[in-house]
Structure formats: structure tokens, C-alpha cells
Amino acid sequence: MMDYTMEKKNAGFTLMEMLVVIVIGFIIVLLVYQTMQSTIRVSAVIQEKITDMQRVNFFLTSFSSRLLCIVPDSKNNSFTSSKVSIELDEYNSRKIITYEIEPDETGKFGLTVGEKDILLNTECSYPALSGLDSIEFSFFDGDSWLTDWDKDTLPQGIAITFVRNGSKIFFPVKLDIQSVQET
């Protein structure tokens, strides 16, 4: 005769095992999601900083190259700690370029560049730098840096100094341009 006893089969998972697997899976998905979110957030901040650094680098490169095209004996050249106005010969066109420091509504400072084409009689202005803690121009007379230049000749160098996010940048440009009066 056959013995028909109920045998207990250990196949399948219990409810507790299923819940543990679901919780562990949820934790893994949550960690992957948080990692991706952090990566996206950090990369956006890095991209903003890179863009800002490129803008500053472009401005400083433009500033130094334009100073090297200055017309030395122009009456339009003026130099103060808050405003530099120069006449230059750029791409066979005479322009008056003005770099002017202006405070903004948040208590920070910005630098605006104004361009006036003398031959075409056109003008435009645009913000070059913004969100600066402080900014000033200084002028080298051969011995020291001065904040105002009231001489009839060009300074030997022009520097822009600004503080942004706690970082101080001093950018001097040497002028090797001789005035006709000096020669």
C-alpha cells in the first residue's frame, strides 16, 4: 500500500524574503538615482564656472590686445581708476573704447565696455564683467602703480584688478607704444 503523506515542499520564496528583496532593490535604485542627480547638479555648476572663466579670459585677452592698438597721441585717451577711455586703430578702423566700472543693485560691481566707431559713427555698449566684489584700474609710471593718470603721455602699463568670489586677479598689460611727442 502506498503512503500518501503530505510532504512539505521548500520551493518558492516566503513573503518576508520577497519584502527584503524589494527593499534592497528600492535602496539600490534610490542610490543610483541620487548619484545621477548629484552628478548632473555638479556638472551644471562646473559648466557655469567654466563659462564664467571663459568669459573673463576672453575679456582679458580682448583688453590686452586692444591696449596694444592704442593711438598714443589721441585727445580721447583718459585714465582714471574707474574709467579708461582709449582711441585705437583696430582692423583699419578708428574706435574709441571706454571701460567703465559701475555699481549694480546688489552692491557688487560690473564693467561695461562702450565702443564708438569714429568712421561709421556707430556706438554700442555691453557688460563685460559682472558680480565683482571690487574692481579698479591702475597705471604704471615706471616706478609704481597709480590709480589716476593725469600726464600727457601714455602710462608704461595699465592693469585691471578685480576681486570675484574671494579670488583677486591682477592683470597688467605693458604698453610698448611711444608717443610721437616722446620720440
C-alpha atoms as a PDB file:
ATOM      1  CA  MET A   1       0.000   0.000   0.000  1.00  0.00           C
ATOM      2  CA  MET A   2       1.233   3.426  -0.759  1.00  0.00           C
ATOM      3  CA  ASP A   3       1.848   6.004   1.878  1.00  0.00           C
ATOM      4  CA  TYR A   4       0.243   9.258   0.919  1.00  0.00           C
ATOM      5  CA  THR A   5       1.705  11.599   3.459  1.00  0.00           C
ATOM      6  CA  MET A   6       1.876  15.244   2.817  1.00  0.00           C
ATOM      7  CA  GLU A   7       5.375  16.230   2.049  1.00  0.00           C
ATOM      8  CA  LYS A   8       6.377  19.776   2.696  1.00  0.00           C
ATOM      9  CA  LYS A   9       7.985  21.315  -0.348  1.00  0.00           C
ATOM     10  CA  ASN A  10      10.538  24.083   0.111  1.00  0.00           C
ATOM     11  CA  ALA A  11      10.032  25.640  -3.291  1.00  0.00           C
ATOM     12  CA  GLY A  12       9.414  29.403  -3.763  1.00  0.00           C
ATOM     13  CA  PHE A  13      10.012  32.391  -1.513  1.00  0.00           C
ATOM     14  CA  THR A  14       8.316  33.456   1.634  1.00  0.00           C
ATOM     15  CA  LEU A  15       6.657  36.831   1.959  1.00  0.00           C
ATOM     16  CA  MET A  16       9.457  38.069   4.206  1.00  0.00           C
ATOM     17  CA  GLU A  17      12.113  37.153   1.647  1.00  0.00           C
ATOM     18  CA  MET A  18      10.191  38.965  -1.082  1.00  0.00           C
ATOM     19  CA  LEU A  19       9.877  42.111   1.042  1.00  0.00           C
ATOM     20  CA  VAL A  20      13.610  42.101   1.832  1.00  0.00           C
ATOM     21  CA  VAL A  21      14.470  41.773  -1.876  1.00  0.00           C
ATOM     22  CA  ILE A  22      12.069  44.591  -2.789  1.00  0.00           C
ATOM     23  CA  VAL A  23      13.505  46.890  -0.101  1.00  0.00           C
ATOM     24  CA  ILE A  24      17.105  46.148  -1.158  1.00  0.00           C
ATOM     25  CA  GLY A  25      16.172  46.742  -4.816  1.00  0.00           C
ATOM     26  CA  PHE A  26      14.467  50.015  -3.910  1.00  0.00           C
ATOM     27  CA  ILE A  27      17.542  51.160  -1.955  1.00  0.00           C
ATOM     28  CA  ILE A  28      19.808  50.351  -4.920  1.00  0.00           C
ATOM     29  CA  VAL A  29      17.555  52.255  -7.339  1.00  0.00           C
ATOM     30  CA  LEU A  30      17.400  55.206  -4.916  1.00  0.00           C
ATOM     31  CA  LEU A  31      21.206  55.291  -4.573  1.00  0.00           C
ATOM     32  CA  VAL A  32      21.674  55.198  -8.347  1.00  0.00           C
ATOM     33  CA  TYR A  33      19.111  57.995  -8.750  1.00  0.00           C
ATOM     34  CA  GLN A  34      20.784  60.161  -6.083  1.00  0.00           C
ATOM     35  CA  THR A  35      24.190  59.599  -7.675  1.00  0.00           C
ATOM     36  CA  MET A  36      22.871  60.646 -11.072  1.00  0.00           C
ATOM     37  CA  GLN A  37      21.161  63.729  -9.615  1.00  0.00           C
ATOM     38  CA  SER A  38      24.349  64.755  -7.799  1.00  0.00           C
ATOM     39  CA  THR A  39      26.393  64.238 -10.949  1.00  0.00           C
ATOM     40  CA  ILE A  40      24.010  66.356 -13.017  1.00  0.00           C
ATOM     41  CA  ARG A  41      23.923  69.101 -10.374  1.00  0.00           C
ATOM     42  CA  VAL A  42      27.714  69.186 -10.009  1.00  0.00           C
ATOM     43  CA  SER A  43      28.276  69.154 -13.766  1.00  0.00           C
ATOM     44  CA  ALA A  44      25.874  72.097 -14.166  1.00  0.00           C
ATOM     45  CA  VAL A  45      27.802  74.092 -11.544  1.00  0.00           C
ATOM     46  CA  ILE A  46      31.109  73.168 -13.173  1.00  0.00           C
ATOM     47  CA  GLN A  47      29.762  74.190 -16.583  1.00  0.00           C
ATOM     48  CA  GLU A  48      28.677  77.570 -15.170  1.00  0.00           C
ATOM     49  CA  LYS A  49      32.127  78.143 -13.670  1.00  0.00           C
ATOM     50  CA  ILE A  50      33.852  77.148 -16.904  1.00  0.00           C
ATOM     51  CA  THR A  51      31.619  79.514 -18.878  1.00  0.00           C
ATOM     52  CA  ASP A  52      32.346  82.307 -16.406  1.00  0.00           C
ATOM     53  CA  MET A  53      36.100  81.662 -16.569  1.00  0.00           C
ATOM     54  CA  GLN A  54      35.977  81.660 -20.376  1.00  0.00           C
ATOM     55  CA  ARG A  55      34.124  84.978 -20.330  1.00  0.00           C
ATOM     56  CA  VAL A  56      36.763  86.511 -18.030  1.00  0.00           C
ATOM     57  CA  ASN A  57      39.577  85.040 -20.131  1.00  0.00           C
ATOM     58  CA  PHE A  58      38.013  86.394 -23.328  1.00  0.00           C
ATOM     59  CA  PHE A  59      37.630  89.846 -21.780  1.00  0.00           C
ATOM     60  CA  LEU A  60      41.228  89.949 -20.501  1.00  0.00           C
ATOM     61  CA  THR A  61      42.567  88.804 -23.877  1.00  0.00           C
ATOM     62  CA  SER A  62      40.480  91.436 -25.665  1.00  0.00           C
ATOM     63  CA  PHE A  63      41.508  94.087 -23.126  1.00  0.00           C
ATOM     64  CA  SER A  64      45.234  93.422 -23.577  1.00  0.00           C
ATOM     65  CA  SER A  65      45.104  93.189 -27.381  1.00  0.00           C
ATOM     66  CA  ARG A  66      43.120  96.415 -27.640  1.00  0.00           C
ATOM     67  CA  LEU A  67      45.548  98.281 -25.406  1.00  0.00           C
ATOM     68  CA  LEU A  68      48.324  97.355 -27.818  1.00  0.00           C
ATOM     69  CA  CYS A  69      46.437  99.094 -30.669  1.00  0.00           C
ATOM     70  CA  ILE A  70      46.125 102.405 -28.824  1.00  0.00           C
ATOM     71  CA  VAL A  71      46.698 105.664 -30.696  1.00  0.00           C
ATOM     72  CA  PRO A  72      49.289 107.281 -28.414  1.00  0.00           C
ATOM     73  CA  ASP A  73      48.699 110.983 -29.091  1.00  0.00           C
ATOM     74  CA  SER A  74      44.902 110.971 -29.107  1.00  0.00           C
ATOM     75  CA  LYS A  75      42.994 113.502 -27.030  1.00  0.00           C
ATOM     76  CA  ASN A  76      40.376 110.780 -26.437  1.00  0.00           C
ATOM     77  CA  ASN A  77      42.725 108.804 -24.172  1.00  0.00           C
ATOM     78  CA  SER A  78      41.874 109.262 -20.490  1.00  0.00           C
ATOM     79  CA  PHE A  79      42.748 107.144 -17.490  1.00  0.00           C
ATOM     80  CA  THR A  80      41.155 107.030 -14.021  1.00  0.00           C
ATOM     81  CA  SER A  81      40.710 104.220 -11.520  1.00  0.00           C
ATOM     82  CA  SER A  82      37.054 103.806 -12.522  1.00  0.00           C
ATOM     83  CA  LYS A  83      37.136 104.586 -16.234  1.00  0.00           C
ATOM     84  CA  VAL A  84      39.582 104.077 -19.080  1.00  0.00           C
ATOM     85  CA  SER A  85      38.875 105.603 -22.459  1.00  0.00           C
ATOM     86  CA  ILE A  86      41.223 104.918 -25.359  1.00  0.00           C
ATOM     87  CA  GLU A  87      41.289 105.611 -29.056  1.00  0.00           C
ATOM     88  CA  LEU A  88      42.618 102.749 -31.083  1.00  0.00           C
ATOM     89  CA  ASP A  89      43.236 101.692 -34.630  1.00  0.00           C
ATOM     90  CA  GLU A  90      41.656  98.252 -34.885  1.00  0.00           C
ATOM     91  CA  TYR A  91      41.258  96.452 -38.205  1.00  0.00           C
ATOM     92  CA  ASN A  92      41.854  99.699 -40.121  1.00  0.00           C
ATOM     93  CA  SER A  93      39.031 101.384 -38.260  1.00  0.00           C
ATOM     94  CA  ARG A  94      39.315 104.111 -35.643  1.00  0.00           C
ATOM     95  CA  LYS A  95      37.378 103.381 -32.472  1.00  0.00           C
ATOM     96  CA  ILE A  96      37.009 104.896 -29.040  1.00  0.00           C
ATOM     97  CA  ILE A  97      36.727 102.163 -26.432  1.00  0.00           C
ATOM     98  CA  THR A  98      35.541 103.006 -22.926  1.00  0.00           C
ATOM     99  CA  TYR A  99      35.863 100.625 -19.975  1.00  0.00           C
ATOM    100  CA  GLU A 100      33.647 101.913 -17.182  1.00  0.00           C
ATOM    101  CA  ILE A 101      33.110 100.493 -13.694  1.00  0.00           C
ATOM    102  CA  GLU A 102      29.536 100.703 -12.467  1.00  0.00           C
ATOM    103  CA  PRO A 103      27.891  99.530  -9.229  1.00  0.00           C
ATOM    104  CA  ASP A 104      24.883  97.246  -9.564  1.00  0.00           C
ATOM    105  CA  GLU A 105      21.739  96.947  -7.451  1.00  0.00           C
ATOM    106  CA  THR A 106      23.199  94.158  -5.278  1.00  0.00           C
ATOM    107  CA  GLY A 107      26.187  96.172  -4.047  1.00  0.00           C
ATOM    108  CA  LYS A 108      28.574  94.433  -6.433  1.00  0.00           C
ATOM    109  CA  PHE A 109      30.339  95.996  -9.398  1.00  0.00           C
ATOM    110  CA  GLY A 110      30.285  95.462 -13.124  1.00  0.00           C
ATOM    111  CA  LEU A 111      32.442  96.537 -16.023  1.00  0.00           C
ATOM    112  CA  THR A 112      30.774  97.924 -19.128  1.00  0.00           C
ATOM    113  CA  VAL A 113      32.556  98.280 -22.450  1.00  0.00           C
ATOM    114  CA  GLY A 114      31.456 101.040 -24.792  1.00  0.00           C
ATOM    115  CA  GLU A 115      32.584 101.118 -28.410  1.00  0.00           C
ATOM    116  CA  LYS A 116      32.265 104.081 -30.738  1.00  0.00           C
ATOM    117  CA  ASP A 117      33.345 103.696 -34.349  1.00  0.00           C
ATOM    118  CA  ILE A 118      34.563 107.140 -35.411  1.00  0.00           C
ATOM    119  CA  LEU A 119      34.392 106.485 -39.159  1.00  0.00           C
ATOM    120  CA  LEU A 120      30.958 104.835 -39.228  1.00  0.00           C
ATOM    121  CA  ASN A 121      29.573 106.972 -36.380  1.00  0.00           C
ATOM    122  CA  THR A 122      28.065 103.973 -34.580  1.00  0.00           C
ATOM    123  CA  GLU A 123      28.009 103.221 -30.867  1.00  0.00           C
ATOM    124  CA  CYS A 124      27.293 100.183 -28.730  1.00  0.00           C
ATOM    125  CA  SER A 125      27.911  99.086 -25.171  1.00  0.00           C
ATOM    126  CA  TYR A 126      27.766  95.746 -23.415  1.00  0.00           C
ATOM    127  CA  PRO A 127      28.530  94.291 -19.989  1.00  0.00           C
ATOM    128  CA  ALA A 128      31.939  92.617 -19.923  1.00  0.00           C
ATOM    129  CA  LEU A 129      32.174  91.512 -16.284  1.00  0.00           C
ATOM    130  CA  SER A 130      29.565  91.406 -13.533  1.00  0.00           C
ATOM    131  CA  GLY A 131      29.210  90.327  -9.920  1.00  0.00           C
ATOM    132  CA  LEU A 132      32.596  91.702  -8.864  1.00  0.00           C
ATOM    133  CA  ASP A 133      33.333  92.439  -5.208  1.00  0.00           C
ATOM    134  CA  SER A 134      35.735  95.225  -6.216  1.00  0.00           C
ATOM    135  CA  ILE A 135      37.444  96.448  -9.364  1.00  0.00           C
ATOM    136  CA  GLU A 136      39.835  99.236 -10.340  1.00  0.00           C
ATOM    137  CA  PHE A 137      42.311 100.279 -12.989  1.00  0.00           C
ATOM    138  CA  SER A 138      45.874 101.275 -12.181  1.00  0.00           C
ATOM    139  CA  PHE A 139      48.652 102.766 -14.265  1.00  0.00           C
ATOM    140  CA  PHE A 140      52.403 102.134 -14.199  1.00  0.00           C
ATOM    141  CA  ASP A 141      54.701 105.151 -14.397  1.00  0.00           C
ATOM    142  CA  GLY A 142      57.953 103.175 -14.386  1.00  0.00           C
ATOM    143  CA  ASP A 143      58.285 103.023 -10.601  1.00  0.00           C
ATOM    144  CA  SER A 144      54.865 102.356  -9.095  1.00  0.00           C
ATOM    145  CA  TRP A 145      51.209 101.723  -9.879  1.00  0.00           C
ATOM    146  CA  LEU A 146      48.988 104.830  -9.712  1.00  0.00           C
ATOM    147  CA  THR A 147      45.188 104.988  -9.565  1.00  0.00           C
ATOM    148  CA  ASP A 148      44.893 108.117 -11.722  1.00  0.00           C
ATOM    149  CA  TRP A 149      46.933 109.179 -14.728  1.00  0.00           C
ATOM    150  CA  ASP A 150      46.972 112.901 -15.441  1.00  0.00           C
ATOM    151  CA  LYS A 151      50.055 113.081 -17.645  1.00  0.00           C
ATOM    152  CA  ASP A 152      50.010 113.857 -21.362  1.00  0.00           C
ATOM    153  CA  THR A 153      51.875 110.667 -22.233  1.00  0.00           C
ATOM    154  CA  LEU A 154      50.728 107.079 -22.058  1.00  0.00           C
ATOM    155  CA  PRO A 155      51.493 105.048 -18.948  1.00  0.00           C
ATOM    156  CA  GLN A 156      54.066 102.275 -19.325  1.00  0.00           C
ATOM    157  CA  GLY A 157      51.442  99.784 -18.251  1.00  0.00           C
ATOM    158  CA  ILE A 158      47.748  99.517 -17.468  1.00  0.00           C
ATOM    159  CA  ALA A 159      46.392  96.965 -15.015  1.00  0.00           C
ATOM    160  CA  ILE A 160      42.942  95.866 -14.067  1.00  0.00           C
ATOM    161  CA  THR A 161      42.488  94.445 -10.574  1.00  0.00           C
ATOM    162  CA  PHE A 162      39.275  92.787  -9.501  1.00  0.00           C
ATOM    163  CA  VAL A 163      38.004  90.525  -6.751  1.00  0.00           C
ATOM    164  CA  ARG A 164      35.382  87.932  -7.577  1.00  0.00           C
ATOM    165  CA  ASN A 165      34.154  85.223  -5.212  1.00  0.00           C
ATOM    166  CA  GLY A 166      37.109  85.844  -2.907  1.00  0.00           C
ATOM    167  CA  SER A 167      39.714  85.498  -5.691  1.00  0.00           C
ATOM    168  CA  LYS A 168      41.815  88.539  -6.532  1.00  0.00           C
ATOM    169  CA  ILE A 169      43.014  88.919 -10.109  1.00  0.00           C
ATOM    170  CA  PHE A 170      45.685  91.454 -11.054  1.00  0.00           C
ATOM    171  CA  PHE A 171      46.142  91.672 -14.823  1.00  0.00           C
ATOM    172  CA  PRO A 172      48.832  94.103 -16.021  1.00  0.00           C
ATOM    173  CA  VAL A 173      49.407  94.982 -19.673  1.00  0.00           C
ATOM    174  CA  LYS A 174      52.711  96.527 -20.719  1.00  0.00           C
ATOM    175  CA  LEU A 175      52.413  99.307 -23.272  1.00  0.00           C
ATOM    176  CA  ASP A 176      55.379  99.481 -25.635  1.00  0.00           C
ATOM    177  CA  ILE A 177      53.835 102.302 -27.619  1.00  0.00           C
ATOM    178  CA  GLN A 178      55.806 105.513 -27.910  1.00  0.00           C
ATOM    179  CA  SER A 179      54.135 108.840 -28.339  1.00  0.00           C
ATOM    180  CA  VAL A 180      55.213 110.976 -31.275  1.00  0.00           C
ATOM    181  CA  GLN A 181      55.978 113.684 -28.697  1.00  0.00           C
ATOM    182  CA  GLU A 182      58.410 111.351 -26.878  1.00  0.00           C
ATOM    183  CA  THR A 183      60.441 110.420 -29.975  1.00  0.00           C
END
